[in-house]
Structure formats: structure tokens, C-alpha cells
Amino acid sequence: MAKQVVPQLLRQHLANLADDDERISGRGQWQGRDVVLEVDCLYNADGSAKVVWGDTVVYVGVKFELKEPYSDRPTSGSLMCGADLRPVAHRKYEPGPPSPESIELGRVVDRGIRESGCIDMNALCIVPGESAWMVIIDIHVISDGGNIFDAAGLAAIAALRNATVPASRYDVGEDYKLAVALTPIICTFTRVGGRYVYDADEAEELGGAERLSITLGDNGSMHSMQKGLKGTFTAAELSEILDVCATRCGELRDLVDSKVE
């Protein structure tokens, strides 16, 4: 009963704040929290990044393995993205097999990167039909203070741009930097108090409703859009969200560029 009452009271409080064009954190409707990005922070990964996004902390490690290409794509490498949500990140997560939340997080980040075409999969082929590189992205959420999608997506693309293909380890040549042609960025918007806001924190996610995650590329093209939870949005809302998304994606892309050569 208490679990039901608390969100109800929180939703009413968030709605009252929205009526006055305010948020529980004191931020504006489209204002995000401070973001700190660090690269090359995991010694046992071929590429890595850490993002501190408000109270949210995410690590991403990238590794490479030589695999036999899929039979329907004999000259193509592959990409796999997985996420780990454990009780250390938040008490709402439980130990055990990947939860639906973990699977969704991994898929949203994977789709934005994969559909952008930022990695030339054919360039990852070593011997057609025999061996090709598999790029493995591991997402580890250390603290979930809200908006883990954007934090994980930012850390993932930074880790990829920081990654070195370990060719010498597998006796297939010399190590080289992974070629990443684009920098797709995820921006997530949540309906809170009857209106959409950018970068919802933990309280806003608990008392909020539907969620919309959009991945934009360097030239502003949309690579993916994922709607989570129940609810709808109007054409006017989407138009405003896309404008905000374009601006924020550009800022975050500049942040990645400043950290990765």
C-alpha cells in the first residue's frame, strides 16, 4: 500500500510544480544535469569510458573477439551490447538473470549505435566466412540516479571512439584504433507532471509516465527512437522535443570530441 501511496503523492507534487513551470530539482523544463566524461578508465578493456551524470554513474567497457561470421553475412563483423543492472546501482534491482530493464537498456543503446552505421562492419572481417571481429559493449550501471539511457549511450560511444582493436593478441597483425565514423548521441525525455522534460532524475522517473529516447547523428539525422511505458505524445510535443534534442546532442558530441582524439 505504501508503495502505491508514495508515487501518487509524488505525482501530485510534480504536477503542482509543472503548473508553475518548475521541477523538483529546480531545473528548467529542458535543462540537464552536469555531465562528466572520462575515457580509458578500465585497464582490462580495449576501450572504456565513465560517465557521471548527476547522481548516475555508468561504466562501459569495449572488448573484441575473433568469431566466425554469421552465415548470412560472411564478410561482416558483428556488434553485441549488454547491460548489467545490479542492487549496487539501486535497491529496485535484484540479483540474477538479466532483468527486462537490463535488456531494454542494452537494446536501446545497441540500436542507436548499430543503426547509425558508425562502425563499418565489413572492415571488421579478417577472412571471409572464417573470422571477423565481434565488438562487445558491456554497460555497468554503478548508481542509478535517473536517466541511465543517456549516460550509458554517451559512455558507449566514447568507449568505442577510444577503443583499440587488439590484432597482435590474436596474431592477425598490429593493433589499430577502431574506426568510428559518426558519434550518435541518445537524448531521453520523460512525461512528468503532464509535460515532457529532459533528463529526468530518480524522483521524476518514479512519479513520471512515458519515456521517449531519441538517437541523433552528427548531421541531425535520426537513427533510432524508442518509446517506453504507456502513454502518447502529440506532433507538437515531438517537434519541440526534436529541437531540444538536436541542441543537446550537439553539446554532448562536443564533449566526446574534447575527450577522444
Protein backbone atom coordinates (compact mmCIF):
# COMPACT_ATOMS: atom_id res chain seq x y z
CA MET A 1 0.00 0.00 0.00
CA ALA A 2 2.81 2.40 0.93
CA LYS A 3 4.49 1.77 -2.44
CA GLN A 4 1.30 2.93 -4.17
CA VAL A 5 0.67 5.97 -1.97
CA VAL A 6 4.16 7.44 -2.30
CA PRO A 7 4.15 7.64 -6.14
CA GLN A 8 0.63 9.08 -6.06
CA LEU A 9 1.67 11.87 -3.70
CA LEU A 10 4.83 12.42 -5.72
CA ARG A 11 2.90 12.65 -8.99
CA GLN A 12 0.60 15.29 -7.49
CA HIS A 13 3.58 17.26 -6.22
CA LEU A 14 5.28 17.07 -9.63
CA ALA A 15 2.05 18.19 -11.32
CA ASN A 16 1.78 21.19 -8.98
CA LEU A 17 5.36 22.15 -9.78
CA ALA A 18 4.73 21.78 -13.52
CA ASP A 19 1.76 24.17 -13.27
CA ASP A 20 4.25 26.78 -12.07
CA ASP A 21 6.81 25.77 -14.73
CA GLU A 22 9.09 24.28 -12.08
CA ARG A 23 10.79 20.95 -11.43
CA ILE A 24 11.60 19.19 -8.17
CA SER A 25 15.34 19.73 -8.78
CA GLY A 26 14.94 23.42 -9.54
CA ARG A 27 15.98 22.92 -13.17
CA GLY A 28 14.14 24.27 -16.18
CA GLN A 29 11.98 22.01 -18.36
CA TRP A 30 14.76 21.30 -20.86
CA GLN A 31 17.75 21.75 -18.55
CA GLY A 32 20.01 18.76 -17.99
CA ARG A 33 22.26 17.93 -15.08
CA ASP A 34 26.03 18.29 -15.08
CA VAL A 35 27.85 15.58 -17.04
CA VAL A 36 31.44 14.44 -16.50
CA LEU A 37 33.04 12.11 -19.06
CA GLU A 38 36.27 10.15 -18.59
CA VAL A 39 37.83 7.76 -21.12
CA ASP A 40 40.42 4.98 -20.89
CA CYS A 41 39.46 4.23 -17.29
CA LEU A 42 39.30 0.39 -17.28
CA TYR A 43 42.67 -1.34 -17.59
CA ASN A 44 41.22 -4.69 -18.72
CA ALA A 45 39.12 -3.33 -21.61
CA ASP A 46 40.13 -2.49 -25.18
CA GLY A 47 38.18 0.75 -24.88
CA SER A 48 36.37 2.28 -21.92
CA ALA A 49 34.55 5.29 -20.57
CA LYS A 50 32.96 6.50 -17.37
CA VAL A 51 30.04 8.94 -17.20
CA VAL A 52 28.89 10.75 -14.08
CA TRP A 53 25.52 12.26 -14.94
CA GLY A 54 24.13 13.96 -11.85
CA ASP A 55 23.79 11.10 -9.36
CA THR A 56 24.01 8.47 -12.10
CA VAL A 57 27.32 6.69 -12.64
CA VAL A 58 27.92 4.35 -15.60
CA TYR A 59 31.00 2.48 -16.81
CA VAL A 60 31.27 0.99 -20.29
CA GLY A 61 33.95 -1.40 -21.48
CA VAL A 62 34.55 -2.45 -25.08
CA LYS A 63 36.23 -5.74 -25.98
CA PHE A 64 36.98 -7.54 -29.24
CA GLU A 65 36.83 -11.24 -30.01
CA LEU A 66 37.54 -13.13 -33.22
CA LYS A 67 34.46 -15.11 -34.28
CA GLU A 68 33.25 -16.96 -37.32
CA PRO A 69 30.96 -14.57 -39.25
CA TYR A 70 27.25 -15.30 -39.41
CA SER A 71 26.42 -17.48 -42.41
CA ASP A 72 24.18 -14.82 -43.97
CA ARG A 73 26.91 -12.15 -43.57
CA PRO A 74 30.18 -13.95 -44.32
CA THR A 75 32.17 -10.74 -44.87
CA SER A 76 30.82 -8.81 -41.90
CA GLY A 77 31.85 -8.40 -38.29
CA SER A 78 29.28 -8.17 -35.53
CA LEU A 79 28.21 -6.00 -32.60
CA MET A 80 26.82 -7.09 -29.25
CA CYS A 81 25.68 -4.78 -26.47
CA GLY A 82 24.65 -5.88 -22.99
CA ALA A 83 23.76 -4.07 -19.76
CA ASP A 84 24.14 -5.05 -16.13
CA LEU A 85 21.74 -3.64 -13.53
CA ARG A 86 22.53 -4.89 -10.03
CA PRO A 87 21.40 -3.99 -6.50
CA VAL A 88 24.57 -1.92 -6.10
CA ALA A 89 23.05 0.56 -8.57
CA HIS A 90 19.66 0.81 -6.84
CA ARG A 91 17.57 -1.16 -4.40
CA LYS A 92 14.89 -1.66 -7.09
CA TYR A 93 17.21 -4.05 -8.97
CA GLU A 94 17.65 -7.68 -7.98
CA PRO A 95 20.50 -10.17 -8.50
CA GLY A 96 20.04 -12.95 -11.02
CA PRO A 97 19.48 -13.24 -14.78
CA PRO A 98 19.21 -10.07 -16.91
CA SER A 99 16.03 -8.20 -16.00
CA PRO A 100 13.66 -6.63 -18.55
CA GLU A 101 15.17 -3.25 -17.59
CA SER A 102 18.68 -4.54 -18.35
CA ILE A 103 17.59 -5.96 -21.69
CA GLU A 104 15.81 -2.74 -22.68
CA LEU A 105 18.82 -0.59 -21.76
CA GLY A 106 21.17 -2.76 -23.81
CA ARG A 107 18.85 -2.80 -26.80
CA VAL A 108 18.25 0.96 -26.82
CA VAL A 109 21.99 1.70 -26.76
CA ASP A 110 22.70 -1.05 -29.30
CA ARG A 111 20.06 0.18 -31.73
CA GLY A 112 21.30 3.77 -31.70
CA ILE A 113 24.87 2.71 -32.45
CA ARG A 114 24.02 -0.04 -34.92
CA GLU A 115 21.53 1.97 -36.98
CA SER A 116 23.87 4.95 -37.21
CA GLY A 117 26.35 2.87 -39.21
CA CYS A 118 29.18 4.49 -37.28
CA ILE A 119 31.17 1.23 -37.48
CA ASP A 120 31.91 -0.32 -40.88
CA MET A 121 31.11 -3.96 -40.15
CA ASN A 122 32.72 -5.18 -43.38
CA ALA A 123 36.00 -3.62 -42.28
CA LEU A 124 35.95 -5.95 -39.27
CA CYS A 125 36.26 -9.04 -41.46
CA ILE A 126 39.61 -10.86 -41.35
CA VAL A 127 38.95 -13.90 -43.58
CA PRO A 128 35.53 -14.05 -45.31
CA GLY A 129 33.44 -16.87 -43.93
CA GLU A 130 36.09 -17.77 -41.37
CA SER A 131 36.96 -14.97 -38.96
CA ALA A 132 35.80 -11.47 -38.17
CA TRP A 133 35.88 -9.16 -35.18
CA MET A 134 32.95 -9.10 -32.78
CA VAL A 135 32.66 -5.77 -30.94
CA ILE A 136 31.31 -6.33 -27.42
CA ILE A 137 29.93 -3.40 -25.42
CA ASP A 138 29.40 -4.04 -21.71
CA ILE A 139 27.36 -1.47 -19.76
CA HIS A 140 27.67 -1.42 -15.97
CA VAL A 141 25.43 0.95 -14.01
CA ILE A 142 27.09 1.72 -10.67
CA SER A 143 24.50 4.24 -9.46
CA ASP A 144 21.05 4.85 -10.94
CA GLY A 145 20.07 8.41 -10.13
CA GLY A 146 17.84 8.65 -13.20
CA ASN A 147 18.30 8.73 -16.98
CA ILE A 148 20.62 5.75 -17.30
CA PHE A 149 19.82 5.55 -21.04
CA ASP A 150 21.60 8.78 -21.93
CA ALA A 151 24.50 8.10 -19.57
CA ALA A 152 25.01 4.59 -20.97
CA GLY A 153 24.71 5.77 -24.58
CA LEU A 154 27.25 8.54 -24.04
CA ALA A 155 29.71 6.21 -22.31
CA ALA A 156 29.26 3.58 -25.05
CA ILE A 157 30.10 5.85 -27.98
CA ALA A 158 33.01 7.41 -26.07
CA ALA A 159 34.37 3.95 -25.28
CA LEU A 160 34.07 2.91 -28.93
CA ARG A 161 35.90 6.00 -30.11
CA ASN A 162 38.60 5.26 -27.53
CA ALA A 163 38.91 1.56 -28.48
CA THR A 164 41.94 -0.21 -29.92
CA VAL A 165 41.50 -3.43 -31.91
CA PRO A 166 43.90 -5.96 -30.30
CA ALA A 167 45.11 -7.60 -33.51
CA SER A 168 48.50 -8.57 -32.08
CA ARG A 169 46.83 -10.50 -29.27
CA TYR A 170 45.22 -12.78 -31.86
CA ASP A 171 48.25 -12.87 -34.22
CA VAL A 172 46.41 -11.17 -37.07
CA GLY A 173 48.55 -8.05 -37.44
CA GLU A 174 49.30 -4.92 -35.47
CA ASP A 175 46.91 -3.19 -33.10
CA TYR A 176 44.96 -0.28 -34.56
CA LYS A 177 42.32 2.21 -33.49
CA LEU A 178 38.73 1.22 -34.20
CA ALA A 179 37.37 3.40 -36.99
CA VAL A 180 34.21 5.15 -35.78
CA ALA A 181 32.80 7.43 -38.47
CA LEU A 182 29.98 9.08 -36.51
CA THR A 183 29.07 9.95 -32.92
CA PRO A 184 25.41 9.00 -32.31
CA ILE A 185 24.02 10.52 -29.11
CA ILE A 186 20.93 9.48 -27.12
CA CYS A 187 18.59 12.03 -25.52
CA THR A 188 15.71 10.90 -23.30
CA PHE A 189 12.55 12.81 -22.43
CA THR A 190 10.00 11.82 -19.78
CA ARG A 191 6.45 13.00 -19.20
CA VAL A 192 6.42 14.48 -15.71
CA GLY A 193 3.51 16.43 -14.26
CA GLY A 194 1.67 16.30 -17.58
CA ARG A 195 4.52 17.67 -19.72
CA TYR A 196 7.75 16.31 -21.15
CA VAL A 197 11.05 17.21 -19.50
CA TYR A 198 14.63 16.43 -20.45
CA ASP A 199 16.93 14.32 -18.27
CA ALA A 200 14.53 13.09 -15.58
CA ASP A 201 16.13 12.33 -12.22
CA GLU A 202 15.20 9.44 -9.92
CA ALA A 203 12.18 11.18 -8.35
CA GLU A 204 10.83 12.31 -11.72
CA GLU A 205 11.13 8.80 -13.14
CA LEU A 206 9.29 7.37 -10.13
CA GLY A 207 6.47 9.90 -10.42
CA GLY A 208 6.57 10.25 -14.20
CA ALA A 209 4.93 8.46 -17.10
CA GLU A 210 6.03 7.54 -20.62
CA ARG A 211 9.61 7.94 -21.81
CA LEU A 212 10.98 8.80 -25.24
CA SER A 213 14.63 8.09 -26.18
CA ILE A 214 15.95 9.52 -29.46
CA THR A 215 19.35 8.94 -31.06
CA LEU A 216 20.64 11.60 -33.45
CA GLY A 217 23.72 11.50 -35.65
CA ASP A 218 26.29 14.16 -36.46
CA ASN A 219 24.22 15.67 -39.27
CA GLY A 220 21.00 15.66 -37.22
CA SER A 221 19.58 12.52 -38.81
CA MET A 222 17.50 10.29 -36.55
CA HIS A 223 18.94 6.81 -36.11
CA SER A 224 16.51 5.44 -33.54
CA MET A 225 13.51 6.35 -31.41
CA GLN A 226 12.33 4.17 -28.54
CA LYS A 227 9.18 4.81 -26.54
CA GLY A 228 9.00 3.26 -23.09
CA LEU A 229 5.98 2.74 -20.81
CA LYS A 230 2.38 3.58 -21.65
CA GLY A 231 1.27 6.94 -22.98
CA THR A 232 1.14 9.12 -26.06
CA PHE A 233 2.67 12.31 -27.40
CA THR A 234 1.38 14.88 -29.88
CA ALA A 235 3.02 16.06 -33.08
CA ALA A 236 3.64 19.46 -31.46
CA GLU A 237 5.32 17.83 -28.46
CA LEU A 238 7.53 15.72 -30.72
CA SER A 239 8.52 18.74 -32.77
CA GLU A 240 9.62 20.64 -29.66
CA ILE A 241 11.41 17.59 -28.30
CA LEU A 242 13.36 17.16 -31.54
CA ASP A 243 14.52 20.78 -31.44
CA VAL A 244 15.78 20.39 -27.87
CA CYS A 245 17.30 17.01 -28.76
CA ALA A 246 19.31 18.45 -31.65
CA THR A 247 20.83 21.13 -29.42
CA ARG A 248 21.66 18.82 -26.54
CA CYS A 249 23.08 16.09 -28.80
CA GLY A 250 25.40 18.66 -30.33
CA GLU A 251 26.66 19.70 -26.89
CA LEU A 252 27.27 16.11 -25.79
CA ARG A 253 29.00 15.30 -29.07
CA ASP A 254 31.36 18.21 -28.47
CA LEU A 255 32.07 16.75 -25.02
CA VAL A 256 33.03 13.40 -26.57
CA ASP A 257 35.21 15.15 -29.17
CA SER A 258 37.05 17.02 -26.40
CA LYS A 259 37.92 13.75 -24.63
CA VAL A 260 38.75 11.49 -27.57
CA GLU A 261 41.27 12.22 -30.27
